[in-house]
Amino acid sequence: MRNSFDIDKLKAIPIIEVAERLGIEVRGHKAHCVFHSPDRHPSLRFYENRGTAHCFTCGKHCSSTIDLVMQVRNCSFVEACKWLSEGDSSYTQGNTSYKYNSHSSGESYKKTSEETADLVHLARLIYNPHLNSDARRFLFDERKISKEVAERMHLSSLSREVPMSGSIHGGWFNAPSLLIPYFSVDGELVNLQARYLGSEKKPRFQFPKGARTIIFNAPQLAQLAPGDHLCIAEGVSDCLAMLSAGYKAIAVPSATLLTCDDRRLIIEAAERVNGNIDIDIWPDNDRAGSELASQIALLATDIGVTLHHHRLPEGCKDFGDYWGGIKNI
């Protein structure tokens, strides 16, 4: 499997461009460290000539672009290579498509064409939300999600494959899939995620190229009132379960990384109510859950709000599992 990638080419991708694609805001070769928080003064340094990164506060070191992806995304070597390559040496940074140019001098990566998500096309897919039998089984029978929550979150579904964009060359959503829209704090559609529900060996989660990541259920942040408890979930399914349980909840887009944008949105929400909110978390019983809980705990300390760290009962892997068990009693 390793030999199917050109490792040297992947390591030759400018590390700052990879960092920015991972959601790290780099200024002057430095960034706030994503491996510890709070990092009031940027301590994560990127060395373009070596293709490495090092934090002078927590000591975290990334020896290559591949290592950086592995540590930030908490994934394997092969998964990191696949994420970097995205099909024959091309990758996307923000809204710009980059492709490896083997004919250029110095073998550098050059910008080709700008690529953004076709939000008009994505909006059409959820304009008249419909949940097919696979989606209803997954949401209501297996996960015990409330029908009111499914409607409020504008969940929809696919019974057959459709393009991710208005062009048939823009990739395809697999089917059957649950369609999960992501809205900005102001309620504007910014992304659409497909959660594959079939039995074939296909990617479970899919996002269109060019779409930006954002906290799931971000409009909840604009609706917070003084004294509210905000639940931060690890993944959409847990968030839907928390909402079904009556909590005010959001979910981070990456199970292991609270990005700079995520932090900013939560901090701004807390500032709007003068810090008069509490944060509640039910971390998954695994390494990713522990890492995310540590990041949220440091964020809560940084902005001066109370954190309630709940523990799941023995045998429950996540809040969704816990919620489903309660509803089955």
C-alpha atoms as a PDB file:
ATOM      1  CA  MET A   1       0.000   0.000   0.000  1.00  0.00           C
ATOM      2  CA  ARG A   2       2.806   2.428   0.881  1.00  0.00           C
ATOM      3  CA  ASN A   3       4.482   1.940  -2.504  1.00  0.00           C
ATOM      4  CA  SER A   4       1.361   3.185  -4.301  1.00  0.00           C
ATOM      5  CA  PHE A   5       2.291   6.746  -3.306  1.00  0.00           C
ATOM      6  CA  ASP A   6       5.261   8.842  -4.398  1.00  0.00           C
ATOM      7  CA  ILE A   7       6.400   9.658  -0.869  1.00  0.00           C
ATOM      8  CA  ASP A   8       9.082  12.116  -1.971  1.00  0.00           C
ATOM      9  CA  LYS A   9       6.561  14.159  -3.933  1.00  0.00           C
ATOM     10  CA  LEU A  10       4.148  14.249  -1.018  1.00  0.00           C
ATOM     11  CA  LYS A  11       6.919  15.415   1.308  1.00  0.00           C
ATOM     12  CA  ALA A  12       7.877  18.069  -1.260  1.00  0.00           C
ATOM     13  CA  ILE A  13       4.508  19.825  -0.926  1.00  0.00           C
ATOM     14  CA  PRO A  14       5.179  23.150   0.874  1.00  0.00           C
ATOM     15  CA  ILE A  15       4.415  22.455   4.515  1.00  0.00           C
ATOM     16  CA  ILE A  16       2.772  25.845   5.084  1.00  0.00           C
ATOM     17  CA  GLU A  17       0.283  25.140   2.306  1.00  0.00           C
ATOM     18  CA  VAL A  18      -0.505  21.779   3.905  1.00  0.00           C
ATOM     19  CA  ALA A  19      -0.926  23.484   7.302  1.00  0.00           C
ATOM     20  CA  GLU A  20      -3.364  26.016   5.870  1.00  0.00           C
ATOM     21  CA  ARG A  21      -5.329  23.240   4.211  1.00  0.00           C
ATOM     22  CA  LEU A  22      -5.580  21.617   7.646  1.00  0.00           C
ATOM     23  CA  GLY A  23      -7.188  24.813   8.943  1.00  0.00           C
ATOM     24  CA  ILE A  24      -4.065  26.247  10.619  1.00  0.00           C
ATOM     25  CA  GLU A  25      -3.660  29.995  10.154  1.00  0.00           C
ATOM     26  CA  VAL A  26       0.031  30.655   9.464  1.00  0.00           C
ATOM     27  CA  ARG A  27       1.565  34.124   9.615  1.00  0.00           C
ATOM     28  CA  GLY A  28       5.249  34.712   9.119  1.00  0.00           C
ATOM     29  CA  HIS A  29       6.028  30.980   9.342  1.00  0.00           C
ATOM     30  CA  LYS A  30       4.346  30.812  12.766  1.00  0.00           C
ATOM     31  CA  ALA A  31       0.928  29.730  14.043  1.00  0.00           C
ATOM     32  CA  HIS A  32      -0.939  29.169  17.276  1.00  0.00           C
ATOM     33  CA  CYS A  33      -0.175  25.578  18.179  1.00  0.00           C
ATOM     34  CA  VAL A  34      -3.048  23.163  17.487  1.00  0.00           C
ATOM     35  CA  PHE A  35      -1.558  20.533  19.804  1.00  0.00           C
ATOM     36  CA  HIS A  36      -1.985  22.530  23.004  1.00  0.00           C
ATOM     37  CA  SER A  37      -4.188  25.396  24.156  1.00  0.00           C
ATOM     38  CA  PRO A  38      -4.235  28.187  25.067  1.00  0.00           C
ATOM     39  CA  ASP A  39      -1.334  29.338  22.926  1.00  0.00           C
ATOM     40  CA  ARG A  40      -1.525  33.103  23.360  1.00  0.00           C
ATOM     41  CA  HIS A  41       1.663  33.747  21.401  1.00  0.00           C
ATOM     42  CA  PRO A  42       2.196  31.691  18.209  1.00  0.00           C
ATOM     43  CA  SER A  43       4.691  29.005  19.152  1.00  0.00           C
ATOM     44  CA  LEU A  44       4.323  26.525  16.277  1.00  0.00           C
ATOM     45  CA  ARG A  45       7.110  27.244  13.783  1.00  0.00           C
ATOM     46  CA  PHE A  46       7.205  25.971  10.191  1.00  0.00           C
ATOM     47  CA  TYR A  47      10.497  25.392   8.365  1.00  0.00           C
ATOM     48  CA  GLU A  48       9.816  25.442   4.627  1.00  0.00           C
ATOM     49  CA  ASN A  49      13.334  24.464   3.596  1.00  0.00           C
ATOM     50  CA  ARG A  50      13.176  21.306   5.748  1.00  0.00           C
ATOM     51  CA  GLY A  51       9.454  20.627   5.451  1.00  0.00           C
ATOM     52  CA  THR A  52       9.121  20.341   9.241  1.00  0.00           C
ATOM     53  CA  ALA A  53       7.248  22.014  12.093  1.00  0.00           C
ATOM     54  CA  HIS A  54       8.039  22.399  15.786  1.00  0.00           C
ATOM     55  CA  CYS A  55       6.251  23.902  18.796  1.00  0.00           C
ATOM     56  CA  PHE A  56       8.602  25.600  21.226  1.00  0.00           C
ATOM     57  CA  THR A  57       6.041  25.480  24.024  1.00  0.00           C
ATOM     58  CA  CYS A  58       4.717  21.913  24.113  1.00  0.00           C
ATOM     59  CA  GLY A  59       7.616  20.336  22.193  1.00  0.00           C
ATOM     60  CA  LYS A  60       5.459  18.739  19.476  1.00  0.00           C
ATOM     61  CA  HIS A  61       7.549  18.041  16.349  1.00  0.00           C
ATOM     62  CA  CYS A  62       6.364  17.131  12.855  1.00  0.00           C
ATOM     63  CA  SER A  63       9.131  15.703  10.688  1.00  0.00           C
ATOM     64  CA  SER A  64       7.345  16.074   7.314  1.00  0.00           C
ATOM     65  CA  THR A  65       4.094  17.043   5.635  1.00  0.00           C
ATOM     66  CA  ILE A  66       2.919  13.455   6.051  1.00  0.00           C
ATOM     67  CA  ASP A  67       3.762  13.496   9.758  1.00  0.00           C
ATOM     68  CA  LEU A  68       1.919  16.816  10.177  1.00  0.00           C
ATOM     69  CA  VAL A  69      -1.247  15.369   8.596  1.00  0.00           C
ATOM     70  CA  MET A  70      -0.982  12.190  10.684  1.00  0.00           C
ATOM     71  CA  GLN A  71      -0.699  14.120  13.940  1.00  0.00           C
ATOM     72  CA  VAL A  72      -3.327  16.786  13.217  1.00  0.00           C
ATOM     73  CA  ARG A  73      -5.898  14.390  11.749  1.00  0.00           C
ATOM     74  CA  ASN A  74      -4.953  11.475  14.052  1.00  0.00           C
ATOM     75  CA  CYS A  75      -4.774   9.130  11.075  1.00  0.00           C
ATOM     76  CA  SER A  76      -2.476   6.425   9.751  1.00  0.00           C
ATOM     77  CA  PHE A  77       0.471   6.882   7.377  1.00  0.00           C
ATOM     78  CA  VAL A  78      -1.520   5.525   4.430  1.00  0.00           C
ATOM     79  CA  GLU A  79      -4.542   7.707   5.237  1.00  0.00           C
ATOM     80  CA  ALA A  80      -2.292  10.777   5.442  1.00  0.00           C
ATOM     81  CA  CYS A  81      -0.724   9.990   2.062  1.00  0.00           C
ATOM     82  CA  LYS A  82      -4.152   9.488   0.533  1.00  0.00           C
ATOM     83  CA  TRP A  83      -5.381  12.776   2.018  1.00  0.00           C
ATOM     84  CA  LEU A  84      -2.337  14.615   0.649  1.00  0.00           C
ATOM     85  CA  SER A  85      -2.426  13.080  -2.802  1.00  0.00           C
ATOM     86  CA  GLU A  86      -6.198  13.245  -3.386  1.00  0.00           C
ATOM     87  CA  GLY A  87      -5.725  11.401  -6.606  1.00  0.00           C
ATOM     88  CA  ASP A  88      -2.492  11.628  -8.559  1.00  0.00           C
ATOM     89  CA  SER A  89      -0.664  14.440  -6.833  1.00  0.00           C
ATOM     90  CA  SER A  90      -3.443  17.033  -6.675  1.00  0.00           C
ATOM     91  CA  TYR A  91      -4.831  18.570  -3.554  1.00  0.00           C
ATOM     92  CA  THR A  92      -7.086  21.407  -2.484  1.00  0.00           C
ATOM     93  CA  GLN A  93      -6.157  24.281  -0.187  1.00  0.00           C
ATOM     94  CA  GLY A  94      -9.173  26.325   0.810  1.00  0.00           C
ATOM     95  CA  ASN A  95     -10.841  27.363  -2.443  1.00  0.00           C
ATOM     96  CA  THR A  96      -7.782  26.829  -4.640  1.00  0.00           C
ATOM     97  CA  SER A  97      -6.843  23.666  -6.487  1.00  0.00           C
ATOM     98  CA  TYR A  98      -3.152  22.761  -6.566  1.00  0.00           C
ATOM     99  CA  LYS A  99      -1.570  20.205  -8.880  1.00  0.00           C
ATOM    100  CA  TYR A 100       1.926  18.831  -9.033  1.00  0.00           C
ATOM    101  CA  ASN A 101       3.706  19.992 -12.190  1.00  0.00           C
ATOM    102  CA  SER A 102       6.456  17.522 -13.060  1.00  0.00           C
ATOM    103  CA  HIS A 103       7.600  19.609 -16.036  1.00  0.00           C
ATOM    104  CA  SER A 104       8.353  22.785 -14.127  1.00  0.00           C
ATOM    105  CA  SER A 105      11.855  23.611 -12.972  1.00  0.00           C
ATOM    106  CA  GLY A 106      12.421  22.873  -9.312  1.00  0.00           C
ATOM    107  CA  GLU A 107       9.458  20.472  -9.279  1.00  0.00           C
ATOM    108  CA  SER A 108       7.187  22.873  -7.414  1.00  0.00           C
ATOM    109  CA  TYR A 109       3.463  22.903  -6.841  1.00  0.00           C
ATOM    110  CA  LYS A 110       1.625  25.564  -8.817  1.00  0.00           C
ATOM    111  CA  LYS A 111      -1.887  26.924  -8.703  1.00  0.00           C
ATOM    112  CA  THR A 112      -4.081  25.736 -11.545  1.00  0.00           C
ATOM    113  CA  SER A 113      -7.703  26.785 -11.314  1.00  0.00           C
ATOM    114  CA  GLU A 114      -9.871  28.140  -8.534  1.00  0.00           C
ATOM    115  CA  GLU A 115     -12.354  25.629  -7.184  1.00  0.00           C
ATOM    116  CA  THR A 116     -15.294  26.443  -4.940  1.00  0.00           C
ATOM    117  CA  ALA A 117     -18.274  24.411  -3.851  1.00  0.00           C
ATOM    118  CA  ASP A 118     -21.416  24.873  -5.949  1.00  0.00           C
ATOM    119  CA  LEU A 119     -23.660  26.012  -3.100  1.00  0.00           C
ATOM    120  CA  VAL A 120     -26.623  26.576  -5.406  1.00  0.00           C
ATOM    121  CA  HIS A 121     -26.464  22.939  -6.502  1.00  0.00           C
ATOM    122  CA  LEU A 122     -25.996  21.733  -2.913  1.00  0.00           C
ATOM    123  CA  ALA A 123     -28.982  23.792  -1.776  1.00  0.00           C
ATOM    124  CA  ARG A 124     -31.148  22.108  -4.404  1.00  0.00           C
ATOM    125  CA  LEU A 125     -30.348  18.719  -2.871  1.00  0.00           C
ATOM    126  CA  ILE A 126     -31.912  19.746   0.447  1.00  0.00           C
ATOM    127  CA  TYR A 127     -34.553  22.190  -0.868  1.00  0.00           C
ATOM    128  CA  ASN A 128     -37.350  19.662  -0.286  1.00  0.00           C
ATOM    129  CA  PRO A 129     -35.927  17.450   2.502  1.00  0.00           C
ATOM    130  CA  HIS A 130     -36.913  13.807   2.167  1.00  0.00           C
ATOM    131  CA  LEU A 131     -35.798  10.916   4.337  1.00  0.00           C
ATOM    132  CA  ASN A 132     -35.813   7.568   2.561  1.00  0.00           C
ATOM    133  CA  SER A 133     -36.195   4.234   4.344  1.00  0.00           C
ATOM    134  CA  ASP A 134     -32.424   3.898   4.921  1.00  0.00           C
ATOM    135  CA  ALA A 135     -32.221   7.349   6.505  1.00  0.00           C
ATOM    136  CA  ARG A 136     -35.313   6.790   8.661  1.00  0.00           C
ATOM    137  CA  ARG A 137     -33.952   3.457   9.854  1.00  0.00           C
ATOM    138  CA  PHE A 138     -30.573   4.995  10.712  1.00  0.00           C
ATOM    139  CA  LEU A 139     -31.949   8.101  12.438  1.00  0.00           C
ATOM    140  CA  PHE A 140     -35.108   6.943  14.142  1.00  0.00           C
ATOM    141  CA  ASP A 141     -34.675   3.194  14.679  1.00  0.00           C
ATOM    142  CA  GLU A 142     -30.930   2.904  15.311  1.00  0.00           C
ATOM    143  CA  ARG A 143     -29.912   6.324  16.683  1.00  0.00           C
ATOM    144  CA  LYS A 144     -33.273   7.304  18.255  1.00  0.00           C
ATOM    145  CA  ILE A 145     -33.015  10.840  16.865  1.00  0.00           C
ATOM    146  CA  SER A 146     -36.145  12.911  17.324  1.00  0.00           C
ATOM    147  CA  LYS A 147     -38.125  13.669  14.161  1.00  0.00           C
ATOM    148  CA  GLU A 148     -38.366  17.303  15.263  1.00  0.00           C
ATOM    149  CA  VAL A 149     -34.544  17.525  15.388  1.00  0.00           C
ATOM    150  CA  ALA A 150     -34.188  15.885  11.963  1.00  0.00           C
ATOM    151  CA  GLU A 151     -36.582  18.462  10.536  1.00  0.00           C
ATOM    152  CA  ARG A 152     -34.945  21.392  12.352  1.00  0.00           C
ATOM    153  CA  MET A 153     -31.493  20.369  11.094  1.00  0.00           C
ATOM    154  CA  HIS A 154     -32.879  20.098   7.520  1.00  0.00           C
ATOM    155  CA  LEU A 155     -31.634  16.522   7.142  1.00  0.00           C
ATOM    156  CA  SER A 156     -32.325  14.888   3.805  1.00  0.00           C
ATOM    157  CA  SER A 157     -31.243  11.758   1.944  1.00  0.00           C
ATOM    158  CA  LEU A 158     -30.156  10.258  -1.364  1.00  0.00           C
ATOM    159  CA  SER A 159     -31.533   7.063  -2.847  1.00  0.00           C
ATOM    160  CA  ARG A 160     -29.315   7.228  -5.921  1.00  0.00           C
ATOM    161  CA  GLU A 161     -25.914   8.760  -6.630  1.00  0.00           C
ATOM    162  CA  VAL A 162     -25.843  12.418  -7.667  1.00  0.00           C
ATOM    163  CA  PRO A 163     -23.000  14.823  -8.545  1.00  0.00           C
ATOM    164  CA  MET A 164     -21.409  16.835  -5.743  1.00  0.00           C
ATOM    165  CA  SER A 165     -21.615  19.907  -7.969  1.00  0.00           C
ATOM    166  CA  GLY A 166     -23.552  21.118 -10.968  1.00  0.00           C
ATOM    167  CA  SER A 167     -20.951  19.415 -13.177  1.00  0.00           C
ATOM    168  CA  ILE A 168     -20.729  15.658 -13.641  1.00  0.00           C
ATOM    169  CA  HIS A 169     -16.951  16.076 -13.345  1.00  0.00           C
ATOM    170  CA  GLY A 170     -17.204  17.381  -9.783  1.00  0.00           C
ATOM    171  CA  GLY A 171     -17.316  13.996  -8.059  1.00  0.00           C
ATOM    172  CA  TRP A 172     -20.317  12.028  -6.877  1.00  0.00           C
ATOM    173  CA  PHE A 173     -22.163  11.506  -3.613  1.00  0.00           C
ATOM    174  CA  ASN A 174     -22.624   7.809  -2.952  1.00  0.00           C
ATOM    175  CA  ALA A 175     -26.068   6.387  -2.232  1.00  0.00           C
ATOM    176  CA  PRO A 176     -27.935   5.581  -0.139  1.00  0.00           C
ATOM    177  CA  SER A 177     -26.744   8.452   2.037  1.00  0.00           C
ATOM    178  CA  LEU A 178     -27.981  10.790   4.715  1.00  0.00           C
ATOM    179  CA  LEU A 179     -27.435  14.427   3.674  1.00  0.00           C
ATOM    180  CA  ILE A 180     -26.284  16.714   6.491  1.00  0.00           C
ATOM    181  CA  PRO A 181     -26.208  20.478   5.774  1.00  0.00           C
ATOM    182  CA  TYR A 182     -23.805  22.818   7.556  1.00  0.00           C
ATOM    183  CA  PHE A 183     -24.951  26.408   8.075  1.00  0.00           C
ATOM    184  CA  SER A 184     -23.060  29.494   9.181  1.00  0.00           C
ATOM    185  CA  VAL A 185     -23.881  31.309  12.415  1.00  0.00           C
ATOM    186  CA  ASP A 186     -26.142  33.523  10.289  1.00  0.00           C
ATOM    187  CA  GLY A 187     -27.943  30.526   8.801  1.00  0.00           C
ATOM    188  CA  GLU A 188     -26.339  30.454   5.350  1.00  0.00           C
ATOM    189  CA  LEU A 189     -25.524  27.094   3.754  1.00  0.00           C
ATOM    190  CA  VAL A 190     -21.741  26.596   3.602  1.00  0.00           C
ATOM    191  CA  ASN A 191     -21.326  22.845   3.174  1.00  0.00           C
ATOM    192  CA  LEU A 192     -23.124  19.544   2.699  1.00  0.00           C
ATOM    193  CA  GLN A 193     -21.946  16.223   4.072  1.00  0.00           C
ATOM    194  CA  ALA A 194     -23.096  12.798   2.910  1.00  0.00           C
ATOM    195  CA  ARG A 195     -23.136   9.937   5.414  1.00  0.00           C
ATOM    196  CA  TYR A 196     -23.131   6.665   3.457  1.00  0.00           C
ATOM    197  CA  LEU A 197     -25.711   4.179   4.738  1.00  0.00           C
ATOM    198  CA  GLY A 198     -25.116   1.274   2.374  1.00  0.00           C
ATOM    199  CA  SER A 199     -23.338  -2.023   2.955  1.00  0.00           C
ATOM    200  CA  GLU A 200     -20.710  -1.779   0.193  1.00  0.00           C
ATOM    201  CA  LYS A 201     -17.144  -0.739   0.939  1.00  0.00           C
ATOM    202  CA  LYS A 202     -17.373   2.997   0.215  1.00  0.00           C
ATOM    203  CA  PRO A 203     -16.266   6.126   2.095  1.00  0.00           C
ATOM    204  CA  ARG A 204     -18.616   6.684   5.025  1.00  0.00           C
ATOM    205  CA  PHE A 205     -18.385  10.495   4.943  1.00  0.00           C
ATOM    206  CA  GLN A 206     -18.076  12.719   1.862  1.00  0.00           C
ATOM    207  CA  PHE A 207     -17.683  16.473   1.436  1.00  0.00           C
ATOM    208  CA  PRO A 208     -17.633  18.349  -1.900  1.00  0.00           C
ATOM    209  CA  LYS A 209     -14.284  19.784  -2.946  1.00  0.00           C
ATOM    210  CA  GLY A 210     -13.999  23.506  -2.325  1.00  0.00           C
ATOM    211  CA  ALA A 211     -16.499  23.543   0.546  1.00  0.00           C
ATOM    212  CA  ARG A 212     -15.196  24.982   3.815  1.00  0.00           C
ATOM    213  CA  THR A 213     -15.494  23.179   7.115  1.00  0.00           C
ATOM    214  CA  ILE A 214     -17.458  24.782   9.914  1.00  0.00           C
ATOM    215  CA  ILE A 215     -18.964  23.804  13.241  1.00  0.00           C
ATOM    216  CA  PHE A 216     -22.134  21.754  12.786  1.00  0.00           C
ATOM    217  CA  ASN A 217     -25.257  23.580  13.996  1.00  0.00           C
ATOM    218  CA  ALA A 218     -23.353  26.878  14.187  1.00  0.00           C
ATOM    219  CA  PRO A 219     -26.649  28.885  14.307  1.00  0.00           C
ATOM    220  CA  GLN A 220     -26.973  27.551  17.875  1.00  0.00           C
ATOM    221  CA  LEU A 221     -24.127  29.890  18.842  1.00  0.00           C
ATOM    222  CA  ALA A 222     -26.172  32.942  17.821  1.00  0.00           C
ATOM    223  CA  GLN A 223     -29.106  31.741  19.943  1.00  0.00           C
ATOM    224  CA  LEU A 224     -27.226  31.377  23.234  1.00  0.00           C
ATOM    225  CA  ALA A 225     -28.566  33.329  26.181  1.00  0.00           C
ATOM    226  CA  PRO A 226     -26.881  34.187  29.489  1.00  0.00           C
ATOM    227  CA  GLY A 227     -26.801  31.159  31.780  1.00  0.00           C
ATOM    228  CA  ASP A 228     -27.123  28.602  28.968  1.00  0.00           C
ATOM    229  CA  HIS A 229     -25.198  25.341  28.845  1.00  0.00           C
ATOM    230  CA  LEU A 230     -23.546  24.665  25.480  1.00  0.00           C
ATOM    231  CA  CYS A 231     -22.765  21.032  24.684  1.00  0.00           C
ATOM    232  CA  ILE A 232     -19.834  20.429  22.340  1.00  0.00           C
ATOM    233  CA  ALA A 233     -20.072  17.063  20.624  1.00  0.00           C
ATOM    234  CA  GLU A 234     -17.537  14.947  18.793  1.00  0.00           C
ATOM    235  CA  GLY A 235     -19.274  14.421  15.468  1.00  0.00           C
ATOM    236  CA  VAL A 236     -22.711  15.051  13.993  1.00  0.00           C
ATOM    237  CA  SER A 237     -24.380  11.861  15.273  1.00  0.00           C
ATOM    238  CA  ASP A 238     -23.573  12.725  18.890  1.00  0.00           C
ATOM    239  CA  CYS A 239     -24.794  16.285  18.325  1.00  0.00           C
ATOM    240  CA  LEU A 240     -28.115  15.039  16.928  1.00  0.00           C
ATOM    241  CA  ALA A 241     -28.476  12.781  19.971  1.00  0.00           C
ATOM    242  CA  MET A 242     -27.780  15.687  22.346  1.00  0.00           C
ATOM    243  CA  LEU A 243     -30.322  17.860  20.548  1.00  0.00           C
ATOM    244  CA  SER A 244     -32.848  15.019  20.799  1.00  0.00           C
ATOM    245  CA  ALA A 245     -32.148  14.862  24.539  1.00  0.00           C
ATOM    246  CA  GLY A 246     -33.046  18.543  24.819  1.00  0.00           C
ATOM    247  CA  TYR A 247     -29.551  20.019  25.027  1.00  0.00           C
ATOM    248  CA  LYS A 248     -28.220  23.012  23.122  1.00  0.00           C
ATOM    249  CA  ALA A 249     -25.411  21.432  21.133  1.00  0.00           C
ATOM    250  CA  ILE A 250     -22.860  21.931  18.383  1.00  0.00           C
ATOM    251  CA  ALA A 251     -20.294  19.532  16.898  1.00  0.00           C
ATOM    252  CA  VAL A 252     -16.723  20.145  15.794  1.00  0.00           C
ATOM    253  CA  PRO A 253     -16.090  19.100  12.172  1.00  0.00           C
ATOM    254  CA  SER A 254     -12.966  17.124  13.084  1.00  0.00           C
ATOM    255  CA  ALA A 255     -13.049  14.658  15.955  1.00  0.00           C
ATOM    256  CA  THR A 256      -9.471  15.431  16.961  1.00  0.00           C
ATOM    257  CA  LEU A 257      -8.947  19.082  16.045  1.00  0.00           C
ATOM    258  CA  LEU A 258     -10.576  22.237  17.375  1.00  0.00           C
ATOM    259  CA  THR A 259      -9.484  24.618  14.610  1.00  0.00           C
ATOM    260  CA  CYS A 260      -8.749  28.321  14.912  1.00  0.00           C
ATOM    261  CA  ASP A 261     -12.096  29.086  13.264  1.00  0.00           C
ATOM    262  CA  ASP A 262     -13.926  26.774  15.694  1.00  0.00           C
ATOM    263  CA  ARG A 263     -12.297  28.524  18.640  1.00  0.00           C
ATOM    264  CA  ARG A 264     -13.118  31.946  17.234  1.00  0.00           C
ATOM    265  CA  LEU A 265     -16.818  31.126  16.793  1.00  0.00           C
ATOM    266  CA  ILE A 266     -17.122  29.746  20.332  1.00  0.00           C
ATOM    267  CA  ILE A 267     -15.202  32.660  21.849  1.00  0.00           C
ATOM    268  CA  GLU A 268     -17.370  35.200  19.998  1.00  0.00           C
ATOM    269  CA  ALA A 269     -20.526  33.434  21.215  1.00  0.00           C
ATOM    270  CA  ALA A 270     -19.252  33.525  24.804  1.00  0.00           C
ATOM    271  CA  GLU A 271     -18.341  37.194  24.501  1.00  0.00           C
ATOM    272  CA  ARG A 272     -21.862  38.051  23.313  1.00  0.00           C
ATOM    273  CA  VAL A 273     -23.212  36.872  26.681  1.00  0.00           C
ATOM    274  CA  ASN A 274     -20.267  38.276  28.664  1.00  0.00           C
ATOM    275  CA  GLY A 275     -18.902  34.803  29.350  1.00  0.00           C
ATOM    276  CA  ASN A 276     -22.065  33.790  31.181  1.00  0.00           C
ATOM    277  CA  ILE A 277     -22.361  30.279  29.738  1.00  0.00           C
ATOM    278  CA  ASP A 278     -21.206  26.819  30.756  1.00  0.00           C
ATOM    279  CA  ILE A 279     -19.740  24.186  28.434  1.00  0.00           C
ATOM    280  CA  ASP A 280     -20.683  20.520  28.719  1.00  0.00           C
ATOM    281  CA  ILE A 281     -18.842  17.608  27.099  1.00  0.00           C
ATOM    282  CA  TRP A 282     -19.319  13.832  27.022  1.00  0.00           C
ATOM    283  CA  PRO A 283     -16.039  12.689  25.424  1.00  0.00           C
ATOM    284  CA  ASP A 284     -15.978   9.465  23.410  1.00  0.00           C
ATOM    285  CA  ASN A 285     -14.282   6.619  25.234  1.00  0.00           C
ATOM    286  CA  ASP A 286     -11.239   6.575  22.965  1.00  0.00           C
ATOM    287  CA  ARG A 287      -8.031   8.470  22.273  1.00  0.00           C
ATOM    288  CA  ALA A 288      -9.682  10.989  19.941  1.00  0.00           C
ATOM    289  CA  GLY A 289     -12.303  11.800  22.557  1.00  0.00           C
ATOM    290  CA  SER A 290      -9.635  12.342  25.180  1.00  0.00           C
ATOM    291  CA  GLU A 291      -7.631  14.655  22.906  1.00  0.00           C
ATOM    292  CA  LEU A 292     -10.646  16.754  21.982  1.00  0.00           C
ATOM    293  CA  ALA A 293     -11.725  16.982  25.629  1.00  0.00           C
ATOM    294  CA  SER A 294      -8.286  18.339  26.533  1.00  0.00           C
ATOM    295  CA  GLN A 295      -8.527  21.010  23.828  1.00  0.00           C
ATOM    296  CA  ILE A 296     -12.006  22.062  24.955  1.00  0.00           C
ATOM    297  CA  ALA A 297     -10.911  22.146  28.597  1.00  0.00           C
ATOM    298  CA  LEU A 298      -8.064  24.503  27.746  1.00  0.00           C
ATOM    299  CA  LEU A 299     -10.400  26.658  25.656  1.00  0.00           C
ATOM    300  CA  ALA A 300     -12.876  26.900  28.544  1.00  0.00           C
ATOM    301  CA  THR A 301     -10.049  27.991  30.849  1.00  0.00           C
ATOM    302  CA  ASP A 302      -8.853  30.526  28.289  1.00  0.00           C
ATOM    303  CA  ILE A 303     -12.245  32.238  27.953  1.00  0.00           C
ATOM    304  CA  GLY A 304     -13.145  31.877  31.628  1.00  0.00           C
ATOM    305  CA  VAL A 305     -16.236  29.660  31.455  1.00  0.00           C
ATOM    306  CA  THR A 306     -17.140  26.637  33.561  1.00  0.00           C
ATOM    307  CA  LEU A 307     -16.593  23.229  31.981  1.00  0.00           C
ATOM    308  CA  HIS A 308     -18.693  20.210  32.960  1.00  0.00           C
ATOM    309  CA  HIS A 309     -16.840  17.038  31.999  1.00  0.00           C
ATOM    310  CA  HIS A 310     -19.337  14.168  32.046  1.00  0.00           C
ATOM    311  CA  ARG A 311     -18.341  10.519  31.888  1.00  0.00           C
ATOM    312  CA  LEU A 312     -20.248   8.031  29.784  1.00  0.00           C
ATOM    313  CA  PRO A 313     -21.453   4.842  31.465  1.00  0.00           C
ATOM    314  CA  GLU A 314     -19.305   1.746  31.121  1.00  0.00           C
ATOM    315  CA  GLY A 315     -19.821   0.098  27.751  1.00  0.00           C
ATOM    316  CA  CYS A 316     -20.975   3.255  25.919  1.00  0.00           C
ATOM    317  CA  LYS A 317     -18.549   4.349  23.245  1.00  0.00           C
ATOM    318  CA  ASP A 318     -20.122   7.779  22.645  1.00  0.00           C
ATOM    319  CA  PHE A 319     -23.129   9.926  23.560  1.00  0.00           C
ATOM    320  CA  GLY A 320     -25.142   8.589  20.621  1.00  0.00           C
ATOM    321  CA  ASP A 321     -24.658   5.065  21.942  1.00  0.00           C
ATOM    322  CA  TYR A 322     -25.685   6.232  25.426  1.00  0.00           C
ATOM    323  CA  TRP A 323     -28.785   8.027  24.109  1.00  0.00           C
ATOM    324  CA  GLY A 324     -29.855   5.031  22.044  1.00  0.00           C
ATOM    325  CA  GLY A 325     -29.546   2.822  25.116  1.00  0.00           C
ATOM    326  CA  ILE A 326     -31.738   5.138  27.196  1.00  0.00           C
ATOM    327  CA  LYS A 327     -34.456   5.217  24.538  1.00  0.00           C
ATOM    328  CA  ASN A 328     -34.437   1.432  24.285  1.00  0.00           C
ATOM    329  CA  ILE A 329     -35.194   0.987  27.980  1.00  0.00           C
END
